[in-house]
Protein backbone atom coordinates (compact mmCIF):
# COMPACT_ATOMS: atom_id res chain seq x y z
CA MET A 1 0.02 -0.01 -0.06
CA PHE A 2 1.30 3.40 -0.84
CA GLY A 3 0.03 6.92 0.02
CA VAL A 4 1.45 10.53 -0.38
CA GLU A 5 0.33 13.78 1.27
CA ARG A 6 1.91 16.84 0.08
CA ASP A 7 1.36 20.70 1.11
CA THR A 8 3.24 23.93 -0.06
CA LYS A 9 5.70 23.68 2.90
CA ASN A 10 6.12 20.00 4.13
CA PHE A 11 6.36 16.71 2.19
CA ALA A 12 5.19 13.66 3.92
CA TYR A 13 4.52 10.03 2.77
CA ASN A 14 3.87 6.73 4.12
CA LYS A 15 4.42 3.17 2.76
CA THR A 16 3.73 -0.27 3.91
CA TYR A 17 5.75 -3.27 3.07
CA TRP A 18 5.38 -7.08 3.81
CA LEU A 19 9.15 -8.15 4.79
CA PRO A 20 8.99 -12.03 5.31
CA GLY A 21 11.76 -14.11 6.65
CA ILE A 22 12.48 -17.70 7.45
CA SER A 23 15.55 -19.37 8.65
CA PHE A 24 16.82 -22.88 9.79
CA SER A 25 19.65 -24.69 11.42
CA TRP A 26 20.56 -28.15 11.90
CA GLY A 27 23.25 -29.32 14.30
CA LEU A 28 25.20 -32.75 14.40
CA PHE A 29 27.46 -33.28 17.68
CA GLY A 30 30.08 -35.83 18.17
CA ALA A 31 32.59 -36.83 21.01
CA GLN A 32 36.30 -35.72 21.22
CA SER A 33 39.31 -37.86 22.14
CA ALA A 34 42.39 -36.38 23.98
CA PRO A 35 45.03 -35.06 21.56
CA MET A 36 48.09 -37.21 21.11
CA GLY A 37 46.87 -39.81 23.49
CA LYS A 38 47.10 -37.37 26.52
CA SER A 39 44.65 -36.52 29.11
CA LEU A 40 43.70 -32.85 28.77
CA GLU A 41 40.34 -32.48 30.57
CA PRO A 42 40.38 -28.70 30.66
CA MET A 43 40.74 -28.59 26.86
CA ARG A 44 38.04 -31.22 26.16
CA THR A 45 35.23 -29.72 23.88
CA THR A 46 32.44 -30.99 21.72
CA TYR A 47 32.75 -31.38 17.85
CA HIS A 48 29.89 -29.46 16.56
CA THR A 49 28.74 -29.14 12.70
CA THR A 50 25.93 -26.69 11.97
CA MET A 51 24.17 -26.15 8.64
CA TYR A 52 22.27 -22.99 8.55
CA GLY A 53 20.10 -20.75 5.69
CA GLY A 54 17.25 -18.66 5.23
CA TYR A 55 15.64 -16.04 3.25
CA ASN A 56 14.46 -12.62 4.16
CA ARG A 57 13.30 -9.45 2.57
CA GLY A 58 14.62 -6.11 3.67
CA VAL A 59 13.80 -2.40 2.97
CA THR A 60 16.16 0.52 3.33
CA ILE A 61 14.93 4.19 3.13
CA PRO A 62 17.21 6.17 0.67
CA VAL A 63 18.86 9.69 1.33
CA GLN A 64 16.49 12.33 -0.20
CA ARG A 65 18.83 14.76 -2.01
CA GLU A 66 17.83 16.62 -5.33
CA GLY A 67 15.97 13.65 -6.68
CA PRO A 68 12.09 13.40 -7.06
CA PHE A 69 9.67 12.93 -3.83
CA PRO A 70 9.06 10.60 -2.62
CA PRO A 71 12.13 8.46 -3.22
CA GLU A 72 12.11 5.06 -4.30
CA ASP A 73 13.03 2.67 -1.39
CA GLU A 74 15.61 -0.12 -1.76
CA LEU A 75 13.79 -3.57 -1.52
CA GLY A 76 15.86 -6.45 -1.45
CA ASP A 77 15.54 -10.40 -1.39
CA ASN A 78 18.39 -12.16 0.40
CA TYR A 79 19.20 -15.84 0.38
CA GLN A 80 21.87 -17.62 2.47
CA LEU A 81 22.94 -21.35 2.81
CA GLY A 82 26.04 -22.11 4.93
CA ILE A 83 27.99 -24.55 7.25
CA ARG A 84 30.02 -23.95 10.16
CA SER A 85 32.01 -26.79 11.92
CA THR A 86 34.53 -27.79 14.60
CA GLY A 87 34.06 -31.37 13.45
CA ILE A 88 37.89 -31.67 12.65
CA ARG A 89 40.33 -31.35 15.76
CA GLY A 90 41.86 -28.13 15.75
CA VAL A 91 39.99 -26.92 12.73
CA THR A 92 37.09 -24.21 12.71
CA LEU A 93 35.44 -23.74 9.41
CA ASP A 94 32.55 -21.23 8.40
CA MET A 95 31.40 -21.21 4.77
CA ALA A 96 28.28 -19.66 3.32
CA GLY A 97 26.97 -18.92 -0.31
CA PHE A 98 24.48 -15.90 -0.63
CA TYR A 99 22.27 -14.23 -3.37
CA LYS A 100 20.97 -10.76 -3.21
CA GLN A 101 18.32 -9.17 -5.55
CA ILE A 102 17.96 -5.40 -4.69
CA GLN A 103 15.54 -2.98 -6.59
CA ASN A 104 16.22 0.90 -6.59
CA TYR A 105 19.82 0.21 -5.55
CA GLN A 106 21.20 3.58 -4.21
CA ILE A 107 24.49 4.53 -5.49
CA ARG A 108 26.54 7.27 -4.16
CA GLY A 109 28.31 9.20 -6.93
CA ALA A 110 31.72 10.41 -7.06
CA ALA A 111 30.76 13.94 -7.75
CA THR A 112 29.38 16.47 -5.14
CA THR A 113 27.03 19.54 -5.39
CA ALA A 114 28.13 23.19 -5.03
CA ALA A 115 27.43 22.76 -1.27
CA GLY A 116 29.74 19.68 -1.07
CA ASN A 117 27.05 17.14 -0.65
CA ASN A 118 27.34 13.80 -2.42
CA VAL A 119 24.79 13.27 -5.44
CA PHE A 120 23.06 9.73 -5.22
CA THR A 121 21.54 8.06 -8.00
CA SER A 122 20.11 4.40 -8.17
CA ALA A 123 20.16 1.44 -10.34
CA ASP A 124 16.64 -0.16 -11.15
CA GLU A 125 17.92 -3.62 -10.08
CA VAL A 126 21.23 -5.30 -8.98
CA GLU A 127 22.12 -8.86 -8.29
CA ILE A 128 24.97 -9.85 -5.67
CA PRO A 129 25.96 -13.69 -5.86
CA GLY A 130 28.82 -14.39 -3.63
CA VAL A 131 30.40 -16.65 -0.87
CA GLU A 132 32.05 -15.96 2.53
CA MET A 133 34.69 -18.32 4.00
CA TYR A 134 36.39 -18.45 7.24
CA ALA A 135 38.99 -21.28 8.40
CA ARG A 136 41.29 -21.28 11.34
CA LEU A 137 43.91 -24.05 12.33
CA ASP A 138 44.99 -24.29 16.04
CA SER A 139 48.05 -26.54 16.97
CA ARG A 140 47.28 -26.77 20.50
CA PRO A 141 44.54 -29.48 20.24
CA PHE A 142 47.37 -31.49 18.81
CA THR A 143 50.32 -30.56 20.83
CA GLY A 144 48.87 -29.80 24.34
CA TRP A 145 51.47 -26.87 24.48
CA LYS A 146 50.92 -23.52 26.34
CA LEU A 147 51.67 -21.97 23.22
CA ASN A 148 49.31 -22.10 20.43
CA PRO A 149 50.75 -21.24 16.89
CA TYR A 150 47.74 -20.95 14.50
CA GLY A 151 46.82 -19.77 10.98
CA GLU A 152 43.65 -17.91 10.09
CA ALA A 153 42.12 -16.96 7.01
CA THR A 154 38.95 -15.24 5.76
CA PHE A 155 37.55 -14.63 2.09
CA THR A 156 34.73 -12.90 0.49
CA TYR A 157 33.69 -12.93 -2.98
CA ALA A 158 30.63 -10.80 -4.07
CA ALA A 159 29.99 -10.52 -7.95
CA GLY A 160 27.74 -7.52 -7.68
CA GLU A 161 26.32 -6.58 -11.00
CA ILE A 162 23.82 -4.09 -12.21
CA THR A 163 20.86 -5.96 -14.08
CA ALA A 164 18.55 -3.00 -14.89
CA GLY A 165 19.37 0.72 -15.23
CA VAL A 166 20.56 3.60 -17.20
CA GLY A 167 23.41 5.93 -16.36
CA ASP A 168 23.20 9.87 -16.46
CA GLY A 169 23.42 10.05 -20.06
CA GLY A 170 20.64 7.53 -20.63
CA ALA A 171 22.95 4.98 -21.74
CA SER A 172 22.36 1.39 -20.52
CA ILE A 173 24.63 0.18 -17.56
CA VAL A 174 23.32 -3.34 -17.58
CA GLY A 175 26.14 -5.55 -16.94
CA ASN A 176 28.53 -3.06 -15.00
CA ARG A 177 29.85 -3.76 -11.75
CA ILE A 178 28.41 -2.25 -8.53
CA PRO A 179 30.28 1.12 -7.65
CA PHE A 180 32.38 0.97 -4.41
CA ALA A 181 32.06 -2.60 -4.17
CA PRO A 182 35.37 -4.76 -4.37
CA ARG A 183 34.51 -8.31 -5.65
CA GLU A 184 37.21 -9.91 -3.25
CA VAL A 185 38.59 -9.22 0.16
CA ALA A 186 40.66 -11.63 2.21
CA TYR A 187 42.66 -11.75 5.44
CA LEU A 188 45.52 -14.21 5.96
CA THR A 189 46.80 -14.27 9.27
CA THR A 190 49.61 -16.26 11.08
CA GLY A 191 50.12 -15.92 14.86
CA ILE A 192 50.79 -17.40 18.32
CA GLU A 193 48.78 -17.31 21.58
CA SER A 194 50.08 -17.89 25.14
CA THR A 195 48.26 -18.95 28.31
CA ALA A 196 50.37 -16.50 29.87
CA GLY A 197 48.31 -13.79 28.50
CA TRP A 198 50.20 -12.54 25.39
CA ASN A 199 49.41 -12.98 21.71
CA ALA A 200 51.05 -11.80 18.43
CA SER A 201 50.16 -12.08 14.71
CA VAL A 202 51.00 -10.83 11.30
CA SER A 203 48.39 -10.30 8.47
CA PHE A 204 48.17 -10.00 4.77
CA VAL A 205 45.09 -7.96 3.81
CA TYR A 206 43.87 -8.06 0.20
CA ARG A 207 41.42 -5.60 -1.09
CA GLY A 208 40.13 -6.21 -4.79
CA ASP A 209 39.72 -3.43 -7.11
CA PHE A 210 36.41 -1.48 -7.53
CA TYR A 211 34.71 1.34 -9.60
CA THR A 212 33.61 4.60 -8.27
CA ASP A 213 30.76 5.02 -10.82
CA ALA A 214 28.12 3.09 -12.38
CA VAL A 215 29.57 3.55 -15.92
CA ASN A 216 32.82 1.78 -14.75
CA THR A 217 34.92 4.20 -16.09
CA PRO A 218 38.43 2.73 -16.67
CA PHE A 219 41.54 3.63 -14.55
CA GLU A 220 42.84 6.69 -16.58
CA GLY A 221 39.53 7.51 -18.25
CA ASP A 222 38.49 10.57 -16.22
CA PRO A 223 41.40 13.18 -16.27
CA SER A 224 39.69 14.72 -12.88
CA GLY A 225 40.11 11.74 -11.09
CA GLU A 226 36.49 11.81 -9.85
CA ASN A 227 35.51 8.68 -11.68
CA GLY A 228 37.28 5.33 -12.45
CA LEU A 229 38.90 2.17 -11.37
CA VAL A 230 40.41 1.76 -7.94
CA PRO A 231 43.15 -0.93 -8.37
CA SER A 232 43.54 -3.63 -5.80
CA VAL A 233 46.16 -3.80 -3.33
CA TRP A 234 47.81 -5.96 -0.64
CA LEU A 235 48.94 -4.65 2.70
CA LEU A 236 50.94 -6.12 5.66
CA ASN A 237 49.71 -5.53 9.20
CA ALA A 238 50.76 -6.77 12.66
CA ARG A 239 49.84 -6.66 16.21
CA ALA A 240 50.74 -7.97 19.71
CA ASN A 241 48.80 -7.63 23.01
CA PHE A 242 49.85 -8.76 26.77
CA THR A 243 47.44 -8.87 29.47
CA VAL A 244 48.96 -7.86 32.69
CA PRO A 245 48.54 -10.05 35.67
CA GLN A 246 46.09 -8.43 38.24
CA SER A 247 48.55 -8.93 41.06
CA LEU A 248 50.82 -6.43 39.21
CA THR A 249 48.22 -3.55 38.58
CA PRO A 250 47.05 -0.92 40.79
CA GLY A 251 44.11 -2.19 42.72
CA GLY A 252 43.67 -5.29 40.69
CA ALA A 253 42.44 -3.53 37.70
CA ASP A 254 42.37 -5.39 34.24
CA MET A 255 44.99 -3.97 32.00
CA ALA A 256 46.25 -5.04 28.56
CA LEU A 257 49.20 -3.58 26.62
CA PHE A 258 49.15 -3.35 22.77
CA ILE A 259 50.93 -2.48 19.81
CA SER A 260 49.91 -2.56 16.18
CA GLY A 261 51.22 -1.46 12.82
CA GLN A 262 49.32 -0.94 9.43
CA ASN A 263 50.75 -0.99 5.88
CA LEU A 264 54.15 -1.95 7.50
CA THR A 265 55.69 -1.84 3.84
CA ASN A 266 54.64 1.87 3.42
CA LYS A 267 52.88 0.94 0.00
CA LEU A 268 51.46 3.89 -1.77
CA TYR A 269 47.97 3.02 -2.99
CA ILE A 270 44.53 4.48 -3.91
CA THR A 271 41.91 4.19 -1.11
CA ASP A 272 39.04 6.16 -2.90
CA ARG A 273 38.34 8.75 -5.28
CA GLU A 274 35.48 10.61 -3.88
CA ASP A 275 36.43 14.36 -4.60
CA GLY A 276 39.38 13.39 -6.21
CA VAL A 277 42.10 10.49 -5.82
CA LYS A 278 42.88 9.87 -2.17
CA PRO A 279 46.12 7.95 -1.12
CA GLY A 280 45.81 5.13 1.44
CA LEU A 281 47.07 5.34 4.91
CA GLY A 282 50.89 5.11 5.05
CA ARG A 283 52.99 2.99 7.48
CA SER A 284 51.32 3.81 10.81
CA LEU A 285 52.36 2.33 14.33
CA MET A 286 50.35 2.61 17.43
CA ALA A 287 50.95 1.48 21.13
CA GLY A 288 48.70 1.83 24.16
CA ALA A 289 47.09 0.40 27.13
CA ARG A 290 43.50 -0.44 27.98
CA VAL A 291 42.61 -0.44 31.77
CA LYS A 292 39.26 -1.41 33.38
CA TRP A 293 38.44 -0.94 37.04
């Protein structure tokens, strides 16, 4: 149902949507044996594998700026099917496939108005099929050590594509990639944890390339730099934390010391093109403490 009321000074409107949703999960449990024939009761856990999935419809109220009133709301159908498991000793897995179909998908343009506000447009329809994956391998369940060297990885692939719509000049943009949406994002981490309260890790971070406009202007296709391809990049980050024993802190406070570094190779890369080409964060180091009384 849809209704609009207007007067000379104020605009108002109301809409009613049905937003159905359904989900399921199914779990499988199993027993765990002690690692390497040892008896390590404090480490004993239960293997657990869960399949899950669902469907839901969602709505998003768009930004009202310069466009006709009332604005067309984003209305999306979202599907997901996945599995998460600790069914293999020392291994944690979570994988899910998804599919999204969104009508009136709002796009933030790279250009701005004279007042400095972003210009928003919309694509009639977009589709986003993809997959998300997470995996972690811990060594402690095999060794029983106080130290736990581990490896961890996350990966997201989202092939967002415009399936209906035209650009500012009236030309079709069907088949183009969704602006500001990298297809691939990945984190590869290796680290070590200790029962003594400290941990350290190093991560490679990958962000895939993306376009800043619905027309998908090539990398050097816009001399002003406002529109075009933002290339992919690999970055190297690291971090370390230490939880100070409460016996060594004033009043038994919870205290943790940390140090972190981003873009340790000091790579020069583009992070965005809004209002011109923007360089990404250079090599940055930060250290500090968190205290809780």
